[in-house]
Structures are given as C-alpha cells and as structure tokens.
C-alpha cells in the first residue's frame, strides 16, 4: 500500500476556510488517524520506502504543511506532539519571520528560532522555494534561484541537509523537475493527480470544509485512487481515437 501524503496549509481558531482547517477539526483528524491504527511516518521514511513496504497492507500516512505559517508552531505542533506524530513543514524562505498579506489575509510566518526549535523537536523543515512563485512561468535562471536559494538558506538555518521541495500551487513541468534535481533535491512534490516519480510525488490536500467522511477517504488514500482513476479515464476518452 503506497504511503498517503496529506497536505495541510494552516490552522485557524475561527471558521473553516479553503486553506485553513479549524483547530477542532484538525484535532479530530489526528484522533481519527490514531484510532485507525495507521503509522504516521516521516517524509524521509515515506520517500525511501522499499517495494516490499509499498506492498504492505498496513496504512502509512505522512503529514505535510505548506508555506510555513506560525500557526504550525503555536497550534499544530502541540496537537501532533500529544499524539506522538511527526510532520514536515515546507517553508517559503522569503517569508521567514515576516507578517505579510498572503491568500487574502495578513499572515505571520515562522521565525528562524521557531524553525530551529521545530527541527530540534523532530519535525522536518523542507523547501517550498524562495518566494512562492509559479515555477512553470520562470526563466531557467530565476527557476534555479528559487530552488537553490531556498535550499541553501534552510540548510544554513538548520545545520542539516534539505532533500525535499514542494512546488508552489503544485505546478511543475519538465524544466521544474530538472531544476529540482540540479539544485540538489532528491524529491519533489506536486498536488492531486500526477505521475509517480521521485520529483513528481502526489499529495492529497486537506481543506477546511472537509467532512469527517471526506477526511477518512483522504487518509486511507481512497479519494486519491478515485481521482486518479477518473483522470485516467478522462485522458483516455480525450486522447484515444474513436474506432
């Protein structure tokens, strides 16, 4: 069974938003994970799984958080720690220690000291590029700056290697994949339906309005499998000539 990689963005003490999961809902998600008997594994473990592990029927889930909002430190990390769960934060390095408009609201991001503290506590800090641009629109030089600049800054802050990069908006093309490899990353992450490979690893987005049933389907990988089947059938309909 492939590892299911869930993608969160931020938590909220207020009502649900597309990219903000209310704290009570997130707490319920973690309780559901714990009750399911699934193993919550690190990003390194998920990406380095052997073929034998992938054939296992035991559910394995990896938790990831994009952008690097401060609420991961204040809200998510304590809940995760209460359950003994680990997670990975994909940090946009230009945001470190800043408060700025983002996704329609003023957002405070993780500071250098918070990143170091989270890293010391066992949470993975990985790259979400330098400035959160659509990588598919950039020149080769700008693309490499986004990739290399973020990686080198995070490695300087953490004193540890950074091997993973999540593409902003989940968008990528062949140039993005080549730039990720050229910048020294070992793994790249997209969103939704994408071909499986070291630099095109799919994640399943968790939204603020997801019902418990929707989260259960995502947690078990069922939602992703259904979406992949739907996309495959759609591609065949539009690509294959009529007989």
C-alpha atoms as a PDB file:
ATOM      1  CA  UNK A   1       0.000   0.000   0.000  1.00  0.00           C
ATOM      2  CA  UNK A   2       1.529   3.350  -1.015  1.00  0.00           C
ATOM      3  CA  UNK A   3       2.062   5.913   1.706  1.00  0.00           C
ATOM      4  CA  UNK A   4      -0.644   8.591   1.734  1.00  0.00           C
ATOM      5  CA  UNK A   5       0.867  12.079   1.941  1.00  0.00           C
ATOM      6  CA  UNK A   6      -1.608  14.625   3.279  1.00  0.00           C
ATOM      7  CA  UNK A   7      -1.138  18.319   2.550  1.00  0.00           C
ATOM      8  CA  UNK A   8      -2.282  20.960   5.025  1.00  0.00           C
ATOM      9  CA  UNK A   9      -1.607  24.691   4.840  1.00  0.00           C
ATOM     10  CA  UNK A  10      -2.639  26.354   8.057  1.00  0.00           C
ATOM     11  CA  UNK A  11      -4.860  26.012  11.120  1.00  0.00           C
ATOM     12  CA  UNK A  12      -7.412  28.502  12.345  1.00  0.00           C
ATOM     13  CA  UNK A  13      -9.144  29.266  15.630  1.00  0.00           C
ATOM     14  CA  UNK A  14     -12.022  30.671  13.593  1.00  0.00           C
ATOM     15  CA  UNK A  15     -14.339  29.247  10.944  1.00  0.00           C
ATOM     16  CA  UNK A  16     -13.164  26.962   8.181  1.00  0.00           C
ATOM     17  CA  UNK A  17     -11.579  28.403   5.057  1.00  0.00           C
ATOM     18  CA  UNK A  18     -10.377  26.524   1.963  1.00  0.00           C
ATOM     19  CA  UNK A  19      -6.765  26.532   3.177  1.00  0.00           C
ATOM     20  CA  UNK A  20      -7.360  26.886   6.916  1.00  0.00           C
ATOM     21  CA  UNK A  21      -8.525  23.913   8.986  1.00  0.00           C
ATOM     22  CA  UNK A  22     -10.174  24.846  12.303  1.00  0.00           C
ATOM     23  CA  UNK A  23      -8.340  23.549  15.365  1.00  0.00           C
ATOM     24  CA  UNK A  24     -11.244  21.289  16.494  1.00  0.00           C
ATOM     25  CA  UNK A  25     -11.362  19.681  13.045  1.00  0.00           C
ATOM     26  CA  UNK A  26      -7.597  19.146  12.981  1.00  0.00           C
ATOM     27  CA  UNK A  27      -7.751  17.615  16.465  1.00  0.00           C
ATOM     28  CA  UNK A  28     -10.467  15.265  15.200  1.00  0.00           C
ATOM     29  CA  UNK A  29      -8.290  14.351  12.198  1.00  0.00           C
ATOM     30  CA  UNK A  30      -5.428  13.350  14.482  1.00  0.00           C
ATOM     31  CA  UNK A  31      -7.751  11.311  16.683  1.00  0.00           C
ATOM     32  CA  UNK A  32      -9.082   9.530  13.603  1.00  0.00           C
ATOM     33  CA  UNK A  33      -5.531   8.795  12.488  1.00  0.00           C
ATOM     34  CA  UNK A  34      -4.634   7.404  15.904  1.00  0.00           C
ATOM     35  CA  UNK A  35      -7.792   5.263  16.042  1.00  0.00           C
ATOM     36  CA  UNK A  36      -7.234   3.911  12.524  1.00  0.00           C
ATOM     37  CA  UNK A  37      -4.034   2.145  13.512  1.00  0.00           C
ATOM     38  CA  UNK A  38      -2.164   3.863  10.680  1.00  0.00           C
ATOM     39  CA  UNK A  39       1.513   4.594  11.096  1.00  0.00           C
ATOM     40  CA  UNK A  40       2.364   8.284  10.789  1.00  0.00           C
ATOM     41  CA  UNK A  41       5.774   8.295   9.124  1.00  0.00           C
ATOM     42  CA  UNK A  42       8.360  10.952   8.359  1.00  0.00           C
ATOM     43  CA  UNK A  43       8.865  12.440   4.911  1.00  0.00           C
ATOM     44  CA  UNK A  44      12.211  10.653   4.618  1.00  0.00           C
ATOM     45  CA  UNK A  45      10.594   7.341   5.514  1.00  0.00           C
ATOM     46  CA  UNK A  46       7.733   7.898   3.062  1.00  0.00           C
ATOM     47  CA  UNK A  47      10.050   8.744   0.159  1.00  0.00           C
ATOM     48  CA  UNK A  48      12.513   5.964   0.934  1.00  0.00           C
ATOM     49  CA  UNK A  49      10.050   3.117   1.279  1.00  0.00           C
ATOM     50  CA  UNK A  50      11.070  -0.191  -0.269  1.00  0.00           C
ATOM     51  CA  UNK A  51       8.887  -2.037  -2.771  1.00  0.00           C
ATOM     52  CA  UNK A  52       8.126  -4.597  -0.070  1.00  0.00           C
ATOM     53  CA  UNK A  53       6.883  -1.835   2.232  1.00  0.00           C
ATOM     54  CA  UNK A  54       4.682  -0.436  -0.524  1.00  0.00           C
ATOM     55  CA  UNK A  55       3.092  -3.861  -0.978  1.00  0.00           C
ATOM     56  CA  UNK A  56       2.199  -3.980   2.715  1.00  0.00           C
ATOM     57  CA  UNK A  57      -1.485  -3.720   3.627  1.00  0.00           C
ATOM     58  CA  UNK A  58      -0.637  -1.576   6.634  1.00  0.00           C
ATOM     59  CA  UNK A  59      -1.691   2.037   6.149  1.00  0.00           C
ATOM     60  CA  UNK A  60       1.084   4.612   6.395  1.00  0.00           C
ATOM     61  CA  UNK A  61       0.393   8.357   6.402  1.00  0.00           C
ATOM     62  CA  UNK A  62       2.765  11.301   6.092  1.00  0.00           C
ATOM     63  CA  UNK A  63       1.645  14.766   7.258  1.00  0.00           C
ATOM     64  CA  UNK A  64       2.915  17.887   5.489  1.00  0.00           C
ATOM     65  CA  UNK A  65       2.227  21.618   5.915  1.00  0.00           C
ATOM     66  CA  UNK A  66       2.933  24.192   3.198  1.00  0.00           C
ATOM     67  CA  UNK A  67       4.118  27.802   3.406  1.00  0.00           C
ATOM     68  CA  UNK A  68       5.494  27.856   6.966  1.00  0.00           C
ATOM     69  CA  UNK A  69       2.799  29.776   8.847  1.00  0.00           C
ATOM     70  CA  UNK A  70       3.383  30.488  12.520  1.00  0.00           C
ATOM     71  CA  UNK A  71       0.249  28.585  13.479  1.00  0.00           C
ATOM     72  CA  UNK A  72       2.135  25.353  12.818  1.00  0.00           C
ATOM     73  CA  UNK A  73       4.319  26.247  15.820  1.00  0.00           C
ATOM     74  CA  UNK A  74       1.534  27.580  18.046  1.00  0.00           C
ATOM     75  CA  UNK A  75      -1.373  25.299  17.118  1.00  0.00           C
ATOM     76  CA  UNK A  76      -0.405  22.236  15.074  1.00  0.00           C
ATOM     77  CA  UNK A  77       2.849  21.119  16.703  1.00  0.00           C
ATOM     78  CA  UNK A  78       1.379  20.734  20.222  1.00  0.00           C
ATOM     79  CA  UNK A  79      -1.507  18.624  18.901  1.00  0.00           C
ATOM     80  CA  UNK A  80       0.851  16.491  16.831  1.00  0.00           C
ATOM     81  CA  UNK A  81       3.171  16.002  19.805  1.00  0.00           C
ATOM     82  CA  UNK A  82       0.240  14.971  22.016  1.00  0.00           C
ATOM     83  CA  UNK A  83      -0.356  12.084  19.600  1.00  0.00           C
ATOM     84  CA  UNK A  84       3.314  11.264  19.088  1.00  0.00           C
ATOM     85  CA  UNK A  85       3.069  12.236  15.404  1.00  0.00           C
ATOM     86  CA  UNK A  86       5.721  13.816  13.253  1.00  0.00           C
ATOM     87  CA  UNK A  87       5.207  16.128  10.272  1.00  0.00           C
ATOM     88  CA  UNK A  88       7.094  18.115   7.644  1.00  0.00           C
ATOM     89  CA  UNK A  89       6.903  21.863   7.062  1.00  0.00           C
ATOM     90  CA  UNK A  90       7.607  23.122   3.548  1.00  0.00           C
ATOM     91  CA  UNK A  91       8.948  26.637   4.228  1.00  0.00           C
ATOM     92  CA  UNK A  92       8.976  29.536   1.790  1.00  0.00           C
ATOM     93  CA  UNK A  93      12.216  31.223   2.810  1.00  0.00           C
ATOM     94  CA  UNK A  94      11.318  34.813   1.813  1.00  0.00           C
ATOM     95  CA  UNK A  95       8.523  34.661   4.413  1.00  0.00           C
ATOM     96  CA  UNK A  96      10.703  33.660   7.379  1.00  0.00           C
ATOM     97  CA  UNK A  97       9.988  35.867  10.387  1.00  0.00           C
ATOM     98  CA  UNK A  98       7.593  38.131   8.482  1.00  0.00           C
ATOM     99  CA  UNK A  99       3.971  39.173   8.632  1.00  0.00           C
ATOM    100  CA  UNK A 100       2.594  39.859   5.187  1.00  0.00           C
ATOM    101  CA  UNK A 101      -0.592  39.640   3.087  1.00  0.00           C
ATOM    102  CA  UNK A 102      -0.968  36.056   1.873  1.00  0.00           C
ATOM    103  CA  UNK A 103      -4.017  34.284   0.447  1.00  0.00           C
ATOM    104  CA  UNK A 104      -6.150  37.340   1.180  1.00  0.00           C
ATOM    105  CA  UNK A 105      -5.200  37.840   4.834  1.00  0.00           C
ATOM    106  CA  UNK A 106      -2.311  39.096   6.930  1.00  0.00           C
ATOM    107  CA  UNK A 107      -0.270  36.035   7.848  1.00  0.00           C
ATOM    108  CA  UNK A 108       2.597  35.613  10.298  1.00  0.00           C
ATOM    109  CA  UNK A 109       5.261  33.100   9.348  1.00  0.00           C
ATOM    110  CA  UNK A 110       7.747  31.002  11.282  1.00  0.00           C
ATOM    111  CA  UNK A 111      10.900  32.720  12.519  1.00  0.00           C
ATOM    112  CA  UNK A 112      14.425  31.339  12.337  1.00  0.00           C
ATOM    113  CA  UNK A 113      14.347  30.389  16.010  1.00  0.00           C
ATOM    114  CA  UNK A 114      10.983  28.620  15.598  1.00  0.00           C
ATOM    115  CA  UNK A 115      12.338  26.654  12.644  1.00  0.00           C
ATOM    116  CA  UNK A 116      15.372  25.619  14.680  1.00  0.00           C
ATOM    117  CA  UNK A 117      13.206  24.622  17.639  1.00  0.00           C
ATOM    118  CA  UNK A 118      10.860  22.580  15.461  1.00  0.00           C
ATOM    119  CA  UNK A 119      13.814  20.878  13.779  1.00  0.00           C
ATOM    120  CA  UNK A 120      15.302  20.007  17.179  1.00  0.00           C
ATOM    121  CA  UNK A 121      11.917  18.560  18.232  1.00  0.00           C
ATOM    122  CA  UNK A 122      11.957  16.157  15.275  1.00  0.00           C
ATOM    123  CA  UNK A 123       9.808  17.970  12.740  1.00  0.00           C
ATOM    124  CA  UNK A 124      11.217  18.093   9.206  1.00  0.00           C
ATOM    125  CA  UNK A 125      11.806  21.537   7.689  1.00  0.00           C
ATOM    126  CA  UNK A 126      11.986  21.389   3.906  1.00  0.00           C
ATOM    127  CA  UNK A 127      11.742  23.772   0.947  1.00  0.00           C
ATOM    128  CA  UNK A 128       8.728  25.492  -0.601  1.00  0.00           C
ATOM    129  CA  UNK A 129      11.091  27.574  -2.763  1.00  0.00           C
ATOM    130  CA  UNK A 130      12.260  31.125  -2.092  1.00  0.00           C
ATOM    131  CA  UNK A 131       9.307  33.360  -2.985  1.00  0.00           C
ATOM    132  CA  UNK A 132       6.341  31.052  -3.712  1.00  0.00           C
ATOM    133  CA  UNK A 133       6.025  31.756  -7.433  1.00  0.00           C
ATOM    134  CA  UNK A 134       4.509  29.541 -10.099  1.00  0.00           C
ATOM    135  CA  UNK A 135       7.711  27.783 -11.125  1.00  0.00           C
ATOM    136  CA  UNK A 136       6.381  26.878 -14.568  1.00  0.00           C
ATOM    137  CA  UNK A 137       6.410  30.582 -15.552  1.00  0.00           C
ATOM    138  CA  UNK A 138      10.046  31.338 -14.661  1.00  0.00           C
ATOM    139  CA  UNK A 139      13.208  31.613 -16.745  1.00  0.00           C
ATOM    140  CA  UNK A 140      15.890  28.959 -16.167  1.00  0.00           C
ATOM    141  CA  UNK A 141      17.993  31.378 -14.079  1.00  0.00           C
ATOM    142  CA  UNK A 142      15.060  32.523 -11.947  1.00  0.00           C
ATOM    143  CA  UNK A 143      13.934  28.933 -11.506  1.00  0.00           C
ATOM    144  CA  UNK A 144      17.349  27.888 -10.223  1.00  0.00           C
ATOM    145  CA  UNK A 145      17.434  30.867  -7.840  1.00  0.00           C
ATOM    146  CA  UNK A 146      14.087  29.800  -6.381  1.00  0.00           C
ATOM    147  CA  UNK A 147      15.326  26.258  -5.863  1.00  0.00           C
ATOM    148  CA  UNK A 148      18.939  26.773  -4.778  1.00  0.00           C
ATOM    149  CA  UNK A 149      18.399  29.921  -2.729  1.00  0.00           C
ATOM    150  CA  UNK A 150      15.745  28.330  -0.559  1.00  0.00           C
ATOM    151  CA  UNK A 151      17.718  25.147  -0.016  1.00  0.00           C
ATOM    152  CA  UNK A 152      20.950  26.894   0.957  1.00  0.00           C
ATOM    153  CA  UNK A 153      19.173  29.274   3.380  1.00  0.00           C
ATOM    154  CA  UNK A 154      17.338  26.454   5.144  1.00  0.00           C
ATOM    155  CA  UNK A 155      20.489  24.357   5.424  1.00  0.00           C
ATOM    156  CA  UNK A 156      22.281  27.361   6.932  1.00  0.00           C
ATOM    157  CA  UNK A 157      19.497  27.893   9.482  1.00  0.00           C
ATOM    158  CA  UNK A 158      19.110  24.230  10.422  1.00  0.00           C
ATOM    159  CA  UNK A 159      22.648  22.923  10.035  1.00  0.00           C
ATOM    160  CA  UNK A 160      21.127  19.912   8.300  1.00  0.00           C
ATOM    161  CA  UNK A 161      20.583  18.789   4.687  1.00  0.00           C
ATOM    162  CA  UNK A 162      17.381  19.676   2.843  1.00  0.00           C
ATOM    163  CA  UNK A 163      16.387  16.996   0.315  1.00  0.00           C
ATOM    164  CA  UNK A 164      12.701  17.744  -0.380  1.00  0.00           C
ATOM    165  CA  UNK A 165      10.941  20.550  -2.269  1.00  0.00           C
ATOM    166  CA  UNK A 166       7.190  21.142  -2.667  1.00  0.00           C
ATOM    167  CA  UNK A 167       6.252  23.073  -5.795  1.00  0.00           C
ATOM    168  CA  UNK A 168       4.057  26.137  -5.083  1.00  0.00           C
ATOM    169  CA  UNK A 169       0.456  25.592  -6.216  1.00  0.00           C
ATOM    170  CA  UNK A 170       1.516  22.015  -7.025  1.00  0.00           C
ATOM    171  CA  UNK A 171       2.562  23.150 -10.517  1.00  0.00           C
ATOM    172  CA  UNK A 172       5.517  21.709 -12.345  1.00  0.00           C
ATOM    173  CA  UNK A 173       6.842  20.823 -15.781  1.00  0.00           C
ATOM    174  CA  UNK A 174       9.963  19.154 -17.092  1.00  0.00           C
ATOM    175  CA  UNK A 175      12.053  22.299 -16.509  1.00  0.00           C
ATOM    176  CA  UNK A 176      10.932  22.420 -12.878  1.00  0.00           C
ATOM    177  CA  UNK A 177      11.822  18.764 -12.370  1.00  0.00           C
ATOM    178  CA  UNK A 178      15.250  19.273 -13.924  1.00  0.00           C
ATOM    179  CA  UNK A 179      15.864  22.357 -11.782  1.00  0.00           C
ATOM    180  CA  UNK A 180      14.919  20.468  -8.614  1.00  0.00           C
ATOM    181  CA  UNK A 181      17.406  17.734  -9.462  1.00  0.00           C
ATOM    182  CA  UNK A 182      20.051  20.273 -10.460  1.00  0.00           C
ATOM    183  CA  UNK A 183      19.656  22.171  -7.184  1.00  0.00           C
ATOM    184  CA  UNK A 184      20.410  19.014  -5.235  1.00  0.00           C
ATOM    185  CA  UNK A 185      16.969  17.928  -4.113  1.00  0.00           C
ATOM    186  CA  UNK A 186      16.195  14.233  -4.112  1.00  0.00           C
ATOM    187  CA  UNK A 187      12.399  14.513  -4.084  1.00  0.00           C
ATOM    188  CA  UNK A 188       9.789  16.920  -5.434  1.00  0.00           C
ATOM    189  CA  UNK A 189       6.093  17.132  -4.574  1.00  0.00           C
ATOM    190  CA  UNK A 190       3.091  18.136  -6.663  1.00  0.00           C
ATOM    191  CA  UNK A 191      -0.607  18.040  -5.777  1.00  0.00           C
ATOM    192  CA  UNK A 192      -3.504  15.934  -6.944  1.00  0.00           C
ATOM    193  CA  UNK A 193      -3.121  13.613  -9.922  1.00  0.00           C
ATOM    194  CA  UNK A 194       0.453  13.408 -11.225  1.00  0.00           C
ATOM    195  CA  UNK A 195       2.725  10.592 -12.464  1.00  0.00           C
ATOM    196  CA  UNK A 196       4.586   8.823  -9.689  1.00  0.00           C
ATOM    197  CA  UNK A 197       8.311   9.528  -9.536  1.00  0.00           C
ATOM    198  CA  UNK A 198      10.988  10.966  -7.238  1.00  0.00           C
ATOM    199  CA  UNK A 199      10.255  14.513  -8.421  1.00  0.00           C
ATOM    200  CA  UNK A 200       6.512  14.104  -9.022  1.00  0.00           C
ATOM    201  CA  UNK A 201       5.193  12.691  -5.763  1.00  0.00           C
ATOM    202  CA  UNK A 202       1.491  13.348  -5.268  1.00  0.00           C
ATOM    203  CA  UNK A 203      -0.074  14.736  -2.107  1.00  0.00           C
ATOM    204  CA  UNK A 204      -3.719  14.903  -1.089  1.00  0.00           C
ATOM    205  CA  UNK A 205      -4.942  18.345   0.030  1.00  0.00           C
ATOM    206  CA  UNK A 206      -6.972  18.595   3.231  1.00  0.00           C
ATOM    207  CA  UNK A 207      -9.401  21.530   3.197  1.00  0.00           C
ATOM    208  CA  UNK A 208     -11.059  23.441   5.979  1.00  0.00           C
ATOM    209  CA  UNK A 209     -14.542  22.343   4.962  1.00  0.00           C
ATOM    210  CA  UNK A 210     -13.804  18.620   4.638  1.00  0.00           C
ATOM    211  CA  UNK A 211     -16.333  16.427   6.431  1.00  0.00           C
ATOM    212  CA  UNK A 212     -15.131  13.575   8.670  1.00  0.00           C
ATOM    213  CA  UNK A 213     -16.052  11.163   5.840  1.00  0.00           C
ATOM    214  CA  UNK A 214     -14.046  13.177   3.313  1.00  0.00           C
ATOM    215  CA  UNK A 215     -11.039  13.184   5.607  1.00  0.00           C
ATOM    216  CA  UNK A 216     -11.381   9.453   6.211  1.00  0.00           C
ATOM    217  CA  UNK A 217     -11.344   8.782   2.459  1.00  0.00           C
ATOM    218  CA  UNK A 218      -8.287  11.016   2.008  1.00  0.00           C
ATOM    219  CA  UNK A 219      -6.478   9.495   4.983  1.00  0.00           C
ATOM    220  CA  UNK A 220      -6.963   5.996   3.580  1.00  0.00           C
ATOM    221  CA  UNK A 221      -5.906   7.000   0.071  1.00  0.00           C
ATOM    222  CA  UNK A 222      -9.319   6.150  -1.353  1.00  0.00           C
ATOM    223  CA  UNK A 223     -10.045   9.692  -2.529  1.00  0.00           C
ATOM    224  CA  UNK A 224      -6.720   9.850  -4.342  1.00  0.00           C
ATOM    225  CA  UNK A 225      -7.281   6.493  -6.011  1.00  0.00           C
ATOM    226  CA  UNK A 226     -10.724   7.545  -7.221  1.00  0.00           C
ATOM    227  CA  UNK A 227      -9.355  10.838  -8.550  1.00  0.00           C
ATOM    228  CA  UNK A 228      -6.525   9.043 -10.366  1.00  0.00           C
ATOM    229  CA  UNK A 229      -8.994   6.617 -11.946  1.00  0.00           C
ATOM    230  CA  UNK A 230     -11.229   9.498 -13.014  1.00  0.00           C
ATOM    231  CA  UNK A 231      -8.281  11.359 -14.572  1.00  0.00           C
ATOM    232  CA  UNK A 232      -7.063   8.218 -16.328  1.00  0.00           C
ATOM    233  CA  UNK A 233     -10.489   7.550 -17.837  1.00  0.00           C
ATOM    234  CA  UNK A 234     -10.823  11.201 -18.860  1.00  0.00           C
ATOM    235  CA  UNK A 235      -7.425  11.158 -20.544  1.00  0.00           C
ATOM    236  CA  UNK A 236      -8.325   8.013 -22.472  1.00  0.00           C
ATOM    237  CA  UNK A 237     -11.606   9.486 -23.670  1.00  0.00           C
ATOM    238  CA  UNK A 238      -9.933  12.647 -24.987  1.00  0.00           C
ATOM    239  CA  UNK A 239      -6.728  11.119 -26.293  1.00  0.00           C
ATOM    240  CA  UNK A 240      -7.705   7.814 -27.836  1.00  0.00           C
ATOM    241  CA  UNK A 241      -9.155   7.984 -31.366  1.00  0.00           C
ATOM    242  CA  UNK A 242     -12.582   6.526 -31.902  1.00  0.00           C
ATOM    243  CA  UNK A 243     -12.574   3.091 -33.510  1.00  0.00           C
END
